[in-house]
Amino acid sequence: MTAEFPWGRLRRSCANGKDKNMCLAVPGKIVSINETDPLFRLGVVDFGGVTREVNLACVPEAVLGNYVIVHVGMALSVLDEETALQTRREMREIVENTDPV
């Protein structure tokens, strides 16, 4: 579990306890970018207090301070701040209103 989002619990609870697979893309804010190789562009992304290194190669337009949607370590698209923060709030509500499995 993380400080803000207990991802493991969310993954199980969204599957309603059944044996289903699920993919989850999570919004985060870019806090640093390593520009040494454009084909393997990396950045550090903050997911509400937890930071991870993320591949930014698919979002060459992303700049420091942008919000991106990340799936398995790869930023897939750039989001506006309002949408990113609303998504975080909704994900938090899902977790808080779901019984543990």
C-alpha atoms as a PDB file:
ATOM      1  CA  MET A   1       0.000   0.000   0.000  1.00  0.00           C
ATOM      2  CA  THR A   2       1.115   3.536  -0.673  1.00  0.00           C
ATOM      3  CA  ALA A   3       0.682   6.699   1.331  1.00  0.00           C
ATOM      4  CA  GLU A   4      -2.230   7.968  -0.738  1.00  0.00           C
ATOM      5  CA  PHE A   5      -3.534   5.031  -2.786  1.00  0.00           C
ATOM      6  CA  PRO A   6      -3.600   1.382  -1.693  1.00  0.00           C
ATOM      7  CA  TRP A   7      -3.221   0.103  -5.280  1.00  0.00           C
ATOM      8  CA  GLY A   8      -3.178  -3.589  -4.443  1.00  0.00           C
ATOM      9  CA  ARG A   9      -6.497  -3.324  -2.647  1.00  0.00           C
ATOM     10  CA  LEU A  10      -7.980  -1.319  -5.531  1.00  0.00           C
ATOM     11  CA  ARG A  11      -6.923  -3.952  -8.038  1.00  0.00           C
ATOM     12  CA  ARG A  12      -8.602  -6.746  -6.088  1.00  0.00           C
ATOM     13  CA  SER A  13     -11.701  -4.814  -5.137  1.00  0.00           C
ATOM     14  CA  CYS A  14     -12.457  -3.650  -8.676  1.00  0.00           C
ATOM     15  CA  ALA A  15     -12.487  -7.272  -9.762  1.00  0.00           C
ATOM     16  CA  ASN A  16     -15.182  -7.874  -7.112  1.00  0.00           C
ATOM     17  CA  GLY A  17     -13.171 -10.734  -5.658  1.00  0.00           C
ATOM     18  CA  LYS A  18     -13.505 -12.779  -8.839  1.00  0.00           C
ATOM     19  CA  ASP A  19     -10.598 -14.093 -10.862  1.00  0.00           C
ATOM     20  CA  LYS A  20     -10.501 -11.259 -13.403  1.00  0.00           C
ATOM     21  CA  ASN A  21      -7.535  -9.421 -14.833  1.00  0.00           C
ATOM     22  CA  MET A  22      -7.486  -5.656 -14.854  1.00  0.00           C
ATOM     23  CA  CYS A  23      -5.187  -2.962 -16.134  1.00  0.00           C
ATOM     24  CA  LEU A  24      -4.847   0.291 -14.279  1.00  0.00           C
ATOM     25  CA  ALA A  25      -3.362   3.529 -15.612  1.00  0.00           C
ATOM     26  CA  VAL A  26      -2.659   6.109 -12.920  1.00  0.00           C
ATOM     27  CA  PRO A  27      -2.234   9.891 -13.177  1.00  0.00           C
ATOM     28  CA  GLY A  28       0.963  11.398 -11.820  1.00  0.00           C
ATOM     29  CA  LYS A  29       2.908  14.654 -12.014  1.00  0.00           C
ATOM     30  CA  ILE A  30       6.322  14.849 -13.693  1.00  0.00           C
ATOM     31  CA  VAL A  31       8.833  16.185 -11.165  1.00  0.00           C
ATOM     32  CA  SER A  32      12.047  15.641 -13.161  1.00  0.00           C
ATOM     33  CA  ILE A  33      13.085  14.640 -16.682  1.00  0.00           C
ATOM     34  CA  ASN A  34      16.287  13.043 -17.972  1.00  0.00           C
ATOM     35  CA  GLU A  35      16.757  14.315 -21.533  1.00  0.00           C
ATOM     36  CA  THR A  36      19.957  12.412 -22.417  1.00  0.00           C
ATOM     37  CA  ASP A  37      18.317   9.999 -24.892  1.00  0.00           C
ATOM     38  CA  PRO A  38      15.036  10.959 -26.658  1.00  0.00           C
ATOM     39  CA  LEU A  39      14.289   7.313 -27.497  1.00  0.00           C
ATOM     40  CA  PHE A  40      14.578   6.301 -23.867  1.00  0.00           C
ATOM     41  CA  ARG A  41      13.416   9.518 -22.226  1.00  0.00           C
ATOM     42  CA  LEU A  42      12.893   8.991 -18.494  1.00  0.00           C
ATOM     43  CA  GLY A  43      11.273  11.075 -15.828  1.00  0.00           C
ATOM     44  CA  VAL A  44      10.386  10.870 -12.178  1.00  0.00           C
ATOM     45  CA  VAL A  45       6.628  11.015 -11.620  1.00  0.00           C
ATOM     46  CA  ASP A  46       4.889  11.769  -8.325  1.00  0.00           C
ATOM     47  CA  PHE A  47       1.756   9.736  -7.618  1.00  0.00           C
ATOM     48  CA  GLY A  48       0.483  11.607  -4.573  1.00  0.00           C
ATOM     49  CA  GLY A  49       3.589  11.178  -2.426  1.00  0.00           C
ATOM     50  CA  VAL A  50       5.086   8.095  -4.057  1.00  0.00           C
ATOM     51  CA  THR A  51       7.603   8.708  -6.846  1.00  0.00           C
ATOM     52  CA  ARG A  52       8.626   6.309  -9.586  1.00  0.00           C
ATOM     53  CA  GLU A  53      10.868   6.455 -12.630  1.00  0.00           C
ATOM     54  CA  VAL A  54       8.708   6.395 -15.767  1.00  0.00           C
ATOM     55  CA  ASN A  55       9.476   6.057 -19.465  1.00  0.00           C
ATOM     56  CA  LEU A  56       8.350   9.245 -21.257  1.00  0.00           C
ATOM     57  CA  ALA A  57       9.247   8.188 -24.821  1.00  0.00           C
ATOM     58  CA  CYS A  58       5.575   8.021 -25.903  1.00  0.00           C
ATOM     59  CA  VAL A  59       4.878  11.574 -24.718  1.00  0.00           C
ATOM     60  CA  PRO A  60       7.643  13.716 -26.260  1.00  0.00           C
ATOM     61  CA  GLU A  61       5.491  16.818 -25.673  1.00  0.00           C
ATOM     62  CA  ALA A  62       5.471  16.274 -21.883  1.00  0.00           C
ATOM     63  CA  VAL A  63       7.357  18.853 -19.832  1.00  0.00           C
ATOM     64  CA  LEU A  64       8.226  19.306 -16.177  1.00  0.00           C
ATOM     65  CA  GLY A  65       5.039  19.835 -14.142  1.00  0.00           C
ATOM     66  CA  ASN A  66       2.707  18.074 -16.614  1.00  0.00           C
ATOM     67  CA  TYR A  67       0.404  15.300 -15.457  1.00  0.00           C
ATOM     68  CA  VAL A  68       0.630  12.015 -17.339  1.00  0.00           C
ATOM     69  CA  ILE A  69      -1.296   8.751 -17.305  1.00  0.00           C
ATOM     70  CA  VAL A  70       1.103   5.885 -16.494  1.00  0.00           C
ATOM     71  CA  HIS A  71       0.618   2.168 -17.067  1.00  0.00           C
ATOM     72  CA  VAL A  72       3.334  -0.346 -16.112  1.00  0.00           C
ATOM     73  CA  GLY A  73       6.049   2.299 -16.058  1.00  0.00           C
ATOM     74  CA  MET A  74       5.154   3.926 -19.379  1.00  0.00           C
ATOM     75  CA  ALA A  75       3.534   7.355 -19.690  1.00  0.00           C
ATOM     76  CA  LEU A  76       0.754   6.998 -22.254  1.00  0.00           C
ATOM     77  CA  SER A  77      -0.638  10.521 -22.525  1.00  0.00           C
ATOM     78  CA  VAL A  78      -0.520  14.009 -21.041  1.00  0.00           C
ATOM     79  CA  LEU A  79      -3.501  15.168 -18.952  1.00  0.00           C
ATOM     80  CA  ASP A  80      -4.611  18.576 -17.805  1.00  0.00           C
ATOM     81  CA  GLU A  81      -4.251  19.129 -14.060  1.00  0.00           C
ATOM     82  CA  GLU A  82      -8.000  19.292 -13.377  1.00  0.00           C
ATOM     83  CA  THR A  83      -8.659  15.924 -15.024  1.00  0.00           C
ATOM     84  CA  ALA A  84      -5.684  14.293 -13.280  1.00  0.00           C
ATOM     85  CA  LEU A  85      -6.729  15.502  -9.823  1.00  0.00           C
ATOM     86  CA  GLN A  86     -10.376  14.536 -10.416  1.00  0.00           C
ATOM     87  CA  THR A  87      -9.266  11.039 -11.440  1.00  0.00           C
ATOM     88  CA  ARG A  88      -7.208  10.732  -8.244  1.00  0.00           C
ATOM     89  CA  ARG A  89     -10.205  11.784  -6.145  1.00  0.00           C
ATOM     90  CA  GLU A  90     -12.447   9.239  -7.866  1.00  0.00           C
ATOM     91  CA  MET A  91      -9.894   6.452  -7.439  1.00  0.00           C
ATOM     92  CA  ARG A  92      -9.555   7.312  -3.749  1.00  0.00           C
ATOM     93  CA  GLU A  93     -13.370   7.170  -3.369  1.00  0.00           C
ATOM     94  CA  ILE A  94     -13.490   3.727  -4.984  1.00  0.00           C
ATOM     95  CA  VAL A  95     -10.899   2.418  -2.529  1.00  0.00           C
ATOM     96  CA  GLU A  96     -12.521   4.022   0.500  1.00  0.00           C
ATOM     97  CA  ASN A  97     -15.980   2.711  -0.398  1.00  0.00           C
ATOM     98  CA  THR A  98     -14.990  -0.866  -1.205  1.00  0.00           C
ATOM     99  CA  ASP A  99     -14.799  -3.669   1.318  1.00  0.00           C
ATOM    100  CA  PRO A 100     -11.421  -5.410   1.527  1.00  0.00           C
ATOM    101  CA  VAL A 101     -11.248  -8.750  -0.238  1.00  0.00           C
END
